[in-house]
PDB file of N, CA and C in Angstrom:
ATOM      1  N   CYS A   1     125.278  89.979 164.549  1.00  0.00           N
ATOM      2  CA  CYS A   1     124.795  88.602 164.420  1.00  0.00           C
ATOM      3  C   CYS A   1     123.513  88.508 163.605  1.00  0.00           C
ATOM      4  N   PHE A   2     122.669  89.519 163.733  1.00  0.00           N
ATOM      5  CA  PHE A   2     121.348  89.435 163.113  1.00  0.00           C
ATOM      6  C   PHE A   2     121.132  90.462 162.016  1.00  0.00           C
ATOM      7  N   GLY A   3     122.147  91.227 161.696  1.00  0.00           N
ATOM      8  CA  GLY A   3     122.046  92.179 160.594  1.00  0.00           C
ATOM      9  C   GLY A   3     121.008  93.261 160.810  1.00  0.00           C
ATOM     10  N   ARG A   4     120.831  93.691 162.035  1.00  0.00           N
ATOM     11  CA  ARG A   4     119.826  94.718 162.332  1.00  0.00           C
ATOM     12  C   ARG A   4     120.475  95.972 162.897  1.00  0.00           C
ATOM     13  N   ARG A   5     119.848  97.088 162.578  1.00  0.00           N
ATOM     14  CA  ARG A   5     120.216  98.357 163.179  1.00  0.00           C
ATOM     15  C   ARG A   5     118.952  98.893 163.839  1.00  0.00           C
ATOM     16  N   TYR A   6     119.137  99.496 164.986  1.00  0.00           N
ATOM     17  CA  TYR A   6     117.991 100.010 165.724  1.00  0.00           C
ATOM     18  C   TYR A   6     118.119 101.511 165.939  1.00  0.00           C
ATOM     19  N   ASP A   7     116.981 102.182 165.963  1.00  0.00           N
ATOM     20  CA  ASP A   7     116.922 103.563 166.402  1.00  0.00           C
ATOM     21  C   ASP A   7     117.133 103.547 167.920  1.00  0.00           C
ATOM     22  N   HIS A   8     117.712 104.594 168.454  1.00  0.00           N
ATOM     23  CA  HIS A   8     118.024 104.627 169.886  1.00  0.00           C
ATOM     24  C   HIS A   8     116.794 104.484 170.780  1.00  0.00           C
ATOM     25  N   HIS A   9     115.632 104.791 170.260  1.00  0.00           N
ATOM     26  CA  HIS A   9     114.416 104.731 171.065  1.00  0.00           C
ATOM     27  C   HIS A   9     113.530 103.547 170.687  1.00  0.00           C
ATOM     28  N   ASP A  10     114.044 102.636 169.877  1.00  0.00           N
ATOM     29  CA  ASP A  10     113.280 101.464 169.469  1.00  0.00           C
ATOM     30  C   ASP A  10     112.926 100.615 170.692  1.00  0.00           C
ATOM     31  N   ASP A  11     111.674 100.202 170.796  1.00  0.00           N
ATOM     32  CA  ASP A  11     111.210  99.432 171.955  1.00  0.00           C
ATOM     33  C   ASP A  11     111.981  98.130 172.133  1.00  0.00           C
ATOM     34  N   GLU A  12     112.271  97.448 171.032  1.00  0.00           N
ATOM     35  CA  GLU A  12     113.002  96.182 171.114  1.00  0.00           C
ATOM     36  C   GLU A  12     114.422  96.403 171.637  1.00  0.00           C
ATOM     37  N   LEU A  13     115.075  97.442 171.165  1.00  0.00           N
ATOM     38  CA  LEU A  13     116.431  97.760 171.635  1.00  0.00           C
ATOM     39  C   LEU A  13     116.418  98.148 173.109  1.00  0.00           C
ATOM     40  N   VAL A  14     115.491  98.998 173.493  1.00  0.00           N
ATOM     41  CA  VAL A  14     115.402  99.427 174.891  1.00  0.00           C
ATOM     42  C   VAL A  14     115.148  98.223 175.789  1.00  0.00           C
ATOM     43  N   SER A  15     114.281  97.324 175.355  1.00  0.00           N
ATOM     44  CA  SER A  15     113.990  96.113 176.123  1.00  0.00           C
ATOM     45  C   SER A  15     115.239  95.248 176.272  1.00  0.00           C
ATOM     46  N   LEU A  16     116.000  95.112 175.203  1.00  0.00           N
ATOM     47  CA  LEU A  16     117.224  94.309 175.245  1.00  0.00           C
ATOM     48  C   LEU A  16     118.284  94.944 176.146  1.00  0.00           C
ATOM     49  N   VAL A  17     118.409  96.254 176.084  1.00  0.00           N
ATOM     50  CA  VAL A  17     119.369  96.954 176.949  1.00  0.00           C
ATOM     51  C   VAL A  17     118.963  96.797 178.414  1.00  0.00           C
ATOM     52  N   ASN A  18     117.668  96.931 178.698  1.00  0.00           N
ATOM     53  CA  ASN A  18     117.187  96.754 180.076  1.00  0.00           C
ATOM     54  C   ASN A  18     117.405  95.325 180.552  1.00  0.00           C
ATOM     55  N   LEU A  19     117.168  94.360 179.679  1.00  0.00           N
ATOM     56  CA  LEU A  19     117.401  92.955 180.010  1.00  0.00           C
ATOM     57  C   LEU A  19     118.874  92.725 180.342  1.00  0.00           C
ATOM     58  N   SER A  20     119.750  93.292 179.544  1.00  0.00           N
ATOM     59  CA  SER A  20     121.187  93.166 179.771  1.00  0.00           C
ATOM     60  C   SER A  20     121.591  93.821 181.089  1.00  0.00           C
ATOM     61  N   ASP A  21     121.026  94.973 181.356  1.00  0.00           N
ATOM     62  CA  ASP A  21     121.331  95.677 182.608  1.00  0.00           C
ATOM     63  C   ASP A  21     120.868  94.855 183.818  1.00  0.00           C
ATOM     64  N   ASP A  22     119.666  94.294 183.734  1.00  0.00           N
ATOM     65  CA  ASP A  22     119.154  93.445 184.821  1.00  0.00           C
ATOM     66  C   ASP A  22     120.035  92.220 185.022  1.00  0.00           C
ATOM     67  N   PHE A  23     120.497  91.650 183.918  1.00  0.00           N
ATOM     68  CA  PHE A  23     121.351  90.470 183.992  1.00  0.00           C
ATOM     69  C   PHE A  23     122.652  90.793 184.734  1.00  0.00           C
ATOM     70  N   VAL A  24     123.264  91.926 184.390  1.00  0.00           N
ATOM     71  CA  VAL A  24     124.511  92.334 185.042  1.00  0.00           C
ATOM     72  C   VAL A  24     124.285  92.549 186.533  1.00  0.00           C
ATOM     73  N   LYS A  25     123.159  93.137 186.898  1.00  0.00           N
ATOM     74  CA  LYS A  25     122.862  93.363 188.316  1.00  0.00           C
ATOM     75  C   LYS A  25     122.733  92.046 189.071  1.00  0.00           C
ATOM     76  N   VAL A  26     122.123  91.049 188.434  1.00  0.00           N
ATOM     77  CA  VAL A  26     121.901  89.761 189.100  1.00  0.00           C
ATOM     78  C   VAL A  26     123.194  88.963 189.206  1.00  0.00           C
ATOM     79  N   VAL A  27     123.951  88.855 188.130  1.00  0.00           N
ATOM     80  CA  VAL A  27     125.149  88.007 188.156  1.00  0.00           C
ATOM     81  C   VAL A  27     126.393  88.761 188.613  1.00  0.00           C
ATOM     82  N   GLY A  28     126.366  90.084 188.543  1.00  0.00           N
ATOM     83  CA  GLY A  28     127.534  90.870 188.914  1.00  0.00           C
ATOM     84  C   GLY A  28     127.890  90.770 190.383  1.00  0.00           C
ATOM     85  N   SER A  29     126.909  90.498 191.203  1.00  0.00           N
ATOM     86  CA  SER A  29     127.177  90.417 192.644  1.00  0.00           C
ATOM     87  C   SER A  29     127.595  89.018 193.065  1.00  0.00           C
ATOM     88  N   GLY A  30     127.631  88.086 192.123  1.00  0.00           N
ATOM     89  CA  GLY A  30     128.060  86.722 192.427  1.00  0.00           C
ATOM     90  C   GLY A  30     126.940  85.897 193.032  1.00  0.00           C
ATOM     91  N   ASN A  31     127.194  84.627 193.151  1.00  0.00           N
ATOM     92  CA  ASN A  31     126.225  83.703 193.714  1.00  0.00           C
ATOM     93  C   ASN A  31     126.961  82.800 194.697  1.00  0.00           C
ATOM     94  N   PRO A  32     126.570  82.810 195.953  1.00  0.00           N
ATOM     95  CA  PRO A  32     127.239  81.956 196.939  1.00  0.00           C
ATOM     96  C   PRO A  32     127.232  80.471 196.552  1.00  0.00           C
ATOM     97  N   ALA A  33     126.232  80.052 195.773  1.00  0.00           N
ATOM     98  CA  ALA A  33     126.156  78.647 195.349  1.00  0.00           C
ATOM     99  C   ALA A  33     127.324  78.279 194.428  1.00  0.00           C
ATOM    100  N   ASP A  34     127.970  79.278 193.836  1.00  0.00           N
ATOM    101  CA  ASP A  34     129.152  78.988 193.013  1.00  0.00           C
ATOM    102  C   ASP A  34     130.302  78.470 193.873  1.00  0.00           C
ATOM    103  N   PHE A  35     130.299  78.836 195.147  1.00  0.00           N
ATOM    104  CA  PHE A  35     131.381  78.446 196.046  1.00  0.00           C
ATOM    105  C   PHE A  35     130.966  77.362 197.040  1.00  0.00           C
ATOM    106  N   ILE A  36     129.677  77.333 197.326  1.00  0.00           N
ATOM    107  CA  ILE A  36     129.136  76.321 198.240  1.00  0.00           C
ATOM    108  C   ILE A  36     127.987  75.631 197.505  1.00  0.00           C
ATOM    109  N   PRO A  37     128.290  74.592 196.715  1.00  0.00           N
ATOM    110  CA  PRO A  37     127.293  73.964 195.848  1.00  0.00           C
ATOM    111  C   PRO A  37     126.011  73.522 196.548  1.00  0.00           C
ATOM    112  N   LEU A  38     126.074  73.206 197.804  1.00  0.00           N
ATOM    113  CA  LEU A  38     124.884  72.775 198.531  1.00  0.00           C
ATOM    114  C   LEU A  38     123.805  73.862 198.545  1.00  0.00           C
ATOM    115  N   LEU A  39     124.210  75.119 198.451  1.00  0.00           N
ATOM    116  CA  LEU A  39     123.263  76.234 198.478  1.00  0.00           C
ATOM    117  C   LEU A  39     122.354  76.289 197.260  1.00  0.00           C
ATOM    118  N   GLN A  40     122.734  75.614 196.172  1.00  0.00           N
ATOM    119  CA  GLN A  40     121.911  75.660 194.969  1.00  0.00           C
ATOM    120  C   GLN A  40     120.543  75.010 195.170  1.00  0.00           C
ATOM    121  N   TYR A  41     120.393  74.214 196.199  1.00  0.00           N
ATOM    122  CA  TYR A  41     119.135  73.522 196.440  1.00  0.00           C
ATOM    123  C   TYR A  41     118.193  74.321 197.343  1.00  0.00           C
ATOM    124  N   LEU A  42     118.673  75.438 197.863  1.00  0.00           N
ATOM    125  CA  LEU A  42     117.827  76.296 198.698  1.00  0.00           C
ATOM    126  C   LEU A  42     117.104  77.310 197.813  1.00  0.00           C
ATOM    127  N   PRO A  43     115.880  77.705 198.212  1.00  0.00           N
ATOM    128  CA  PRO A  43     115.158  78.711 197.417  1.00  0.00           C
ATOM    129  C   PRO A  43     115.944  80.019 197.355  1.00  0.00           C
ATOM    130  N   SER A  44     115.960  80.625 196.183  1.00  0.00           N
ATOM    131  CA  SER A  44     116.712  81.861 196.004  1.00  0.00           C
ATOM    132  C   SER A  44     115.996  82.752 194.995  1.00  0.00           C
ATOM    133  N   THR A  45     115.645  83.956 195.420  1.00  0.00           N
ATOM    134  CA  THR A  45     114.998  84.885 194.490  1.00  0.00           C
ATOM    135  C   THR A  45     115.970  85.314 193.401  1.00  0.00           C
ATOM    136  N   LYS A  46     117.255  85.398 193.738  1.00  0.00           N
ATOM    137  CA  LYS A  46     118.259  85.778 192.740  1.00  0.00           C
ATOM    138  C   LYS A  46     118.354  84.714 191.646  1.00  0.00           C
ATOM    139  N   MET A  47     118.301  83.438 192.029  1.00  0.00           N
ATOM    140  CA  MET A  47     118.373  82.362 191.035  1.00  0.00           C
ATOM    141  C   MET A  47     117.118  82.353 190.161  1.00  0.00           C
ATOM    142  N   LYS A  48     115.964  82.604 190.751  1.00  0.00           N
ATOM    143  CA  LYS A  48     114.725  82.670 189.960  1.00  0.00           C
ATOM    144  C   LYS A  48     114.812  83.797 188.943  1.00  0.00           C
ATOM    145  N   LYS A  49     115.343  84.938 189.363  1.00  0.00           N
ATOM    146  CA  LYS A  49     115.501  86.076 188.454  1.00  0.00           C
ATOM    147  C   LYS A  49     116.491  85.730 187.338  1.00  0.00           C
ATOM    148  N   PHE A  50     117.587  85.062 187.698  1.00  0.00           N
ATOM    149  CA  PHE A  50     118.592  84.637 186.724  1.00  0.00           C
ATOM    150  C   PHE A  50     117.961  83.723 185.659  1.00  0.00           C
ATOM    151  N   VAL A  51     117.199  82.752 186.099  1.00  0.00           N
ATOM    152  CA  VAL A  51     116.546  81.816 185.172  1.00  0.00           C
ATOM    153  C   VAL A  51     115.543  82.561 184.292  1.00  0.00           C
ATOM    154  N   SER A  52     114.798  83.477 184.883  1.00  0.00           N
ATOM    155  CA  SER A  52     113.819  84.263 184.128  1.00  0.00           C
ATOM    156  C   SER A  52     114.495  85.131 183.064  1.00  0.00           C
ATOM    157  N   LEU A  53     115.592  85.781 183.425  1.00  0.00           N
ATOM    158  CA  LEU A  53     116.320  86.626 182.472  1.00  0.00           C
ATOM    159  C   LEU A  53     116.870  85.797 181.317  1.00  0.00           C
ATOM    160  N   ASN A  54     117.405  84.629 181.617  1.00  0.00           N
ATOM    161  CA  ASN A  54     117.919  83.754 180.558  1.00  0.00           C
ATOM    162  C   ASN A  54     116.801  83.287 179.642  1.00  0.00           C
ATOM    163  N   ALA A  55     115.645  82.976 180.198  1.00  0.00           N
ATOM    164  CA  ALA A  55     114.508  82.539 179.385  1.00  0.00           C
ATOM    165  C   ALA A  55     114.038  83.666 178.469  1.00  0.00           C
ATOM    166  N   ARG A  56     113.986  84.889 178.994  1.00  0.00           N
ATOM    167  CA  ARG A  56     113.573  86.036 178.175  1.00  0.00           C
ATOM    168  C   ARG A  56     114.561  86.285 177.038  1.00  0.00           C
ATOM    169  N   PHE A  57     115.857  86.181 177.333  1.00  0.00           N
ATOM    170  CA  PHE A  57     116.860  86.392 176.290  1.00  0.00           C
ATOM    171  C   PHE A  57     116.784  85.292 175.224  1.00  0.00           C
ATOM    172  N   SER A  58     116.619  84.051 175.654  1.00  0.00           N
ATOM    173  CA  SER A  58     116.495  82.939 174.698  1.00  0.00           C
ATOM    174  C   SER A  58     115.275  83.118 173.804  1.00  0.00           C
ATOM    175  N   LYS A  59     114.184  83.597 174.378  1.00  0.00           N
ATOM    176  CA  LYS A  59     112.967  83.844 173.590  1.00  0.00           C
ATOM    177  C   LYS A  59     113.226  84.923 172.543  1.00  0.00           C
ATOM    178  N   PHE A  60     113.953  85.967 172.931  1.00  0.00           N
ATOM    179  CA  PHE A  60     114.301  87.049 172.012  1.00  0.00           C
ATOM    180  C   PHE A  60     115.138  86.519 170.845  1.00  0.00           C
ATOM    181  N   VAL A  61     116.173  85.749 171.159  1.00  0.00           N
ATOM    182  CA  VAL A  61     117.059  85.209 170.117  1.00  0.00           C
ATOM    183  C   VAL A  61     116.288  84.222 169.234  1.00  0.00           C
ATOM    184  N   GLN A  62     115.451  83.379 169.843  1.00  0.00           N
ATOM    185  CA  GLN A  62     114.661  82.412 169.076  1.00  0.00           C
ATOM    186  C   GLN A  62     113.761  83.128 168.070  1.00  0.00           C
ATOM    187  N   LYS A  63     113.171  84.249 168.483  1.00  0.00           N
ATOM    188  CA  LYS A  63     112.322  85.030 167.581  1.00  0.00           C
ATOM    189  C   LYS A  63     113.117  85.519 166.370  1.00  0.00           C
ATOM    190  N   LEU A  64     114.314  86.043 166.613  1.00  0.00           N
ATOM    191  CA  LEU A  64     115.135  86.546 165.507  1.00  0.00           C
ATOM    192  C   LEU A  64     115.589  85.418 164.582  1.00  0.00           C
ATOM    193  N   VAL A  65     115.949  84.280 165.147  1.00  0.00           N
ATOM    194  CA  VAL A  65     116.375  83.144 164.325  1.00  0.00           C
ATOM    195  C   VAL A  65     115.193  82.633 163.495  1.00  0.00           C
ATOM    196  N   THR A  66     114.014  82.579 164.080  1.00  0.00           N
ATOM    197  CA  THR A  66     112.817  82.148 163.342  1.00  0.00           C
ATOM    198  C   THR A  66     112.539  83.092 162.177  1.00  0.00           C
ATOM    199  N   GLU A  67     112.688  84.396 162.419  1.00  0.00           N
ATOM    200  CA  GLU A  67     112.519  85.377 161.334  1.00  0.00           C
ATOM    201  C   GLU A  67     113.549  85.137 160.231  1.00  0.00           C
ATOM    202  N   HIS A  68     114.779  84.808 160.616  1.00  0.00           N
ATOM    203  CA  HIS A  68     115.819  84.542 159.625  1.00  0.00           C
ATOM    204  C   HIS A  68     115.480  83.307 158.786  1.00  0.00           C
ATOM    205  N   TYR A  69     114.971  82.262 159.432  1.00  0.00           N
ATOM    206  CA  TYR A  69     114.567  81.073 158.677  1.00  0.00           C
ATOM    207  C   TYR A  69     113.472  81.422 157.674  1.00  0.00           C
ATOM    208  N   ALA A  70     112.529  82.269 158.070  1.00  0.00           N
ATOM    209  CA  ALA A  70     111.401  82.620 157.199  1.00  0.00           C
ATOM    210  C   ALA A  70     111.848  83.424 155.982  1.00  0.00           C
ATOM    211  N   THR A  71     112.932  84.197 156.123  1.00  0.00           N
ATOM    212  CA  THR A  71     113.377  85.057 155.028  1.00  0.00           C
ATOM    213  C   THR A  71     114.714  84.610 154.435  1.00  0.00           C
ATOM    214  N   PHE A  72     115.154  83.406 154.783  1.00  0.00           N
ATOM    215  CA  PHE A  72     116.465  82.921 154.345  1.00  0.00           C
ATOM    216  C   PHE A  72     116.526  82.757 152.829  1.00  0.00           C
ATOM    217  N   ASP A  73     117.604  83.252 152.235  1.00  0.00           N
ATOM    218  CA  ASP A  73     117.872  83.094 150.803  1.00  0.00           C
ATOM    219  C   ASP A  73     119.326  82.654 150.671  1.00  0.00           C
ATOM    220  N   LYS A  74     119.517  81.429 150.209  1.00  0.00           N
ATOM    221  CA  LYS A  74     120.861  80.855 150.099  1.00  0.00           C
ATOM    222  C   LYS A  74     121.791  81.725 149.245  1.00  0.00           C
ATOM    223  N   ASP A  75     121.226  82.450 148.307  1.00  0.00           N
ATOM    224  CA  ASP A  75     122.039  83.287 147.420  1.00  0.00           C
ATOM    225  C   ASP A  75     122.276  84.692 147.973  1.00  0.00           C
ATOM    226  N   ASN A  76     121.733  84.974 149.153  1.00  0.00           N
ATOM    227  CA  ASN A  76     121.914  86.295 149.759  1.00  0.00           C
ATOM    228  C   ASN A  76     122.142  86.124 151.260  1.00  0.00           C
ATOM    229  N   ILE A  77     123.379  85.794 151.643  1.00  0.00           N
ATOM    230  CA  ILE A  77     123.730  85.614 153.043  1.00  0.00           C
ATOM    231  C   ILE A  77     123.938  87.003 153.653  1.00  0.00           C
ATOM    232  N   ARG A  78     123.078  87.366 154.611  1.00  0.00           N
ATOM    233  CA  ARG A  78     123.064  88.722 155.154  1.00  0.00           C
ATOM    234  C   ARG A  78     123.944  88.907 156.381  1.00  0.00           C
ATOM    235  N   ASP A  79     124.145  87.825 157.154  1.00  0.00           N
ATOM    236  CA  ASP A  79     124.836  87.979 158.425  1.00  0.00           C
ATOM    237  C   ASP A  79     125.250  86.609 158.955  1.00  0.00           C
ATOM    238  N   ILE A  80     125.739  86.591 160.184  1.00  0.00           N
ATOM    239  CA  ILE A  80     126.217  85.341 160.795  1.00  0.00           C
ATOM    240  C   ILE A  80     125.089  84.321 160.917  1.00  0.00           C
ATOM    241  N   THR A  81     123.908  84.784 161.279  1.00  0.00           N
ATOM    242  CA  THR A  81     122.777  83.860 161.458  1.00  0.00           C
ATOM    243  C   THR A  81     122.447  83.157 160.145  1.00  0.00           C
ATOM    244  N   ASP A  82     122.396  83.898 159.050  1.00  0.00           N
ATOM    245  CA  ASP A  82     122.162  83.279 157.740  1.00  0.00           C
ATOM    246  C   ASP A  82     123.270  82.285 157.405  1.00  0.00           C
ATOM    247  N   SER A  83     124.488  82.641 157.730  1.00  0.00           N
ATOM    248  CA  SER A  83     125.612  81.746 157.457  1.00  0.00           C
ATOM    249  C   SER A  83     125.477  80.433 158.233  1.00  0.00           C
ATOM    250  N   LEU A  84     125.047  80.519 159.492  1.00  0.00           N
ATOM    251  CA  LEU A  84     124.838  79.304 160.283  1.00  0.00           C
ATOM    252  C   LEU A  84     123.689  78.458 159.727  1.00  0.00           C
ATOM    253  N   ILE A  85     122.620  79.110 159.304  1.00  0.00           N
ATOM    254  CA  ILE A  85     121.495  78.381 158.694  1.00  0.00           C
ATOM    255  C   ILE A  85     121.966  77.678 157.430  1.00  0.00           C
ATOM    256  N   ASP A  86     122.729  78.387 156.615  1.00  0.00           N
ATOM    257  CA  ASP A  86     123.270  77.803 155.385  1.00  0.00           C
ATOM    258  C   ASP A  86     124.146  76.599 155.708  1.00  0.00           C
ATOM    259  N   HIS A  87     124.977  76.735 156.741  1.00  0.00           N
ATOM    260  CA  HIS A  87     125.852  75.645 157.164  1.00  0.00           C
ATOM    261  C   HIS A  87     125.021  74.422 157.569  1.00  0.00           C
ATOM    262  N   CYS A  88     123.969  74.657 158.336  1.00  0.00           N
ATOM    263  CA  CYS A  88     123.097  73.547 158.774  1.00  0.00           C
ATOM    264  C   CYS A  88     122.468  72.842 157.572  1.00  0.00           C
ATOM    265  N   GLN A  89     121.996  73.626 156.624  1.00  0.00           N
ATOM    266  CA  GLN A  89     121.351  73.032 155.454  1.00  0.00           C
ATOM    267  C   GLN A  89     122.348  72.259 154.598  1.00  0.00           C
ATOM    268  N   ASP A  90     123.565  72.803 154.458  1.00  0.00           N
ATOM    269  CA  ASP A  90     124.597  72.094 153.697  1.00  0.00           C
ATOM    270  C   ASP A  90     124.954  70.776 154.365  1.00  0.00           C
ATOM    271  N   ARG A  91     125.062  70.780 155.673  1.00  0.00           N
ATOM    272  CA  ARG A  91     125.425  69.566 156.416  1.00  0.00           C
ATOM    273  C   ARG A  91     124.328  68.509 156.325  1.00  0.00           C
ATOM    274  N   LYS A  92     123.078  68.943 156.271  1.00  0.00           N
ATOM    275  CA  LYS A  92     121.980  67.981 156.153  1.00  0.00           C
ATOM    276  C   LYS A  92     122.031  67.274 154.793  1.00  0.00           C
ATOM    277  N   LEU A  93     122.536  67.986 153.791  1.00  0.00           N
ATOM    278  CA  LEU A  93     122.629  67.403 152.453  1.00  0.00           C
ATOM    279  C   LEU A  93     123.852  66.511 152.301  1.00  0.00           C
ATOM    280  N   ASP A  94     124.882  66.751 153.107  1.00  0.00           N
ATOM    281  CA  ASP A  94     126.134  66.017 153.013  1.00  0.00           C
ATOM    282  C   ASP A  94     126.140  64.873 154.031  1.00  0.00           C
ATOM    283  N   GLU A  95     125.869  63.672 153.558  1.00  0.00           N
ATOM    284  CA  GLU A  95     125.787  62.510 154.444  1.00  0.00           C
ATOM    285  C   GLU A  95     127.135  62.145 155.053  1.00  0.00           C
ATOM    286  N   ASN A  96     128.236  62.537 154.430  1.00  0.00           N
ATOM    287  CA  ASN A  96     129.570  62.185 154.907  1.00  0.00           C
ATOM    288  C   ASN A  96     130.182  63.248 155.816  1.00  0.00           C
ATOM    289  N   ALA A  97     129.407  64.251 156.179  1.00  0.00           N
ATOM    290  CA  ALA A  97     129.944  65.341 157.006  1.00  0.00           C
ATOM    291  C   ALA A  97     130.309  64.827 158.390  1.00  0.00           C
ATOM    292  N   ASN A  98     131.495  65.207 158.832  1.00  0.00           N
ATOM    293  CA  ASN A  98     131.939  64.820 160.172  1.00  0.00           C
ATOM    294  C   ASN A  98     131.356  65.728 161.248  1.00  0.00           C
ATOM    295  N   THR A  99     131.067  66.948 160.880  1.00  0.00           N
ATOM    296  CA  THR A  99     130.555  67.916 161.845  1.00  0.00           C
ATOM    297  C   THR A  99     129.089  68.161 161.567  1.00  0.00           C
ATOM    298  N   GLN A 100     128.291  67.958 162.571  1.00  0.00           N
ATOM    299  CA  GLN A 100     126.865  68.235 162.440  1.00  0.00           C
ATOM    300  C   GLN A 100     126.495  69.399 163.347  1.00  0.00           C
ATOM    301  N   MET A 101     125.723  70.325 162.837  1.00  0.00           N
ATOM    302  CA  MET A 101     125.238  71.425 163.638  1.00  0.00           C
ATOM    303  C   MET A 101     123.721  71.426 163.553  1.00  0.00           C
ATOM    304  N   SER A 102     123.081  71.272 164.676  1.00  0.00           N
ATOM    305  CA  SER A 102     121.629  71.237 164.678  1.00  0.00           C
ATOM    306  C   SER A 102     121.067  72.666 164.620  1.00  0.00           C
ATOM    307  N   ASP A 103     119.823  72.759 164.189  1.00  0.00           N
ATOM    308  CA  ASP A 103     119.166  74.050 164.129  1.00  0.00           C
ATOM    309  C   ASP A 103     119.082  74.701 165.508  1.00  0.00           C
ATOM    310  N   GLU A 104     118.939  73.887 166.564  1.00  0.00           N
ATOM    311  CA  GLU A 104     118.858  74.425 167.913  1.00  0.00           C
ATOM    312  C   GLU A 104     120.153  75.107 168.341  1.00  0.00           C
ATOM    313  N   LYS A 105     121.274  74.636 167.821  1.00  0.00           N
ATOM    314  CA  LYS A 105     122.558  75.224 168.199  1.00  0.00           C
ATOM    315  C   LYS A 105     122.725  76.628 167.631  1.00  0.00           C
ATOM    316  N   ILE A 106     121.975  76.965 166.597  1.00  0.00           N
ATOM    317  CA  ILE A 106     122.046  78.318 166.038  1.00  0.00           C
ATOM    318  C   ILE A 106     121.619  79.320 167.104  1.00  0.00           C
ATOM    319  N   VAL A 107     120.545  79.002 167.815  1.00  0.00           N
ATOM    320  CA  VAL A 107     120.078  79.886 168.873  1.00  0.00           C
ATOM    321  C   VAL A 107     121.126  80.002 169.961  1.00  0.00           C
ATOM    322  N   GLY A 108     121.744  78.879 170.323  1.00  0.00           N
ATOM    323  CA  GLY A 108     122.797  78.898 171.339  1.00  0.00           C
ATOM    324  C   GLY A 108     123.963  79.728 170.905  1.00  0.00           C
TER     325      GLY A 108
END
């Protein structure tokens, strides 16, 4: 997605792998609130951890997308992220476009 390769000991890669591992531990055991919706309103350390992990991952992706915007070259599409940025820019120029993709959706 981001056209990057990492060394096996790269801090960013290790952090992402650890984040992914933590995420699997939190969601892998399930959430009772998925079956009993009323439970979602009770305090839950697992839910706080889930929200925190999602926020950390979104921050990571937002950083990479911001870097892509800073180095974007329409004549040199490097990866999927560049392609999405190009698509967004083309749609902004085309007033008759039926499909609109916002810059925020790139992160999503």
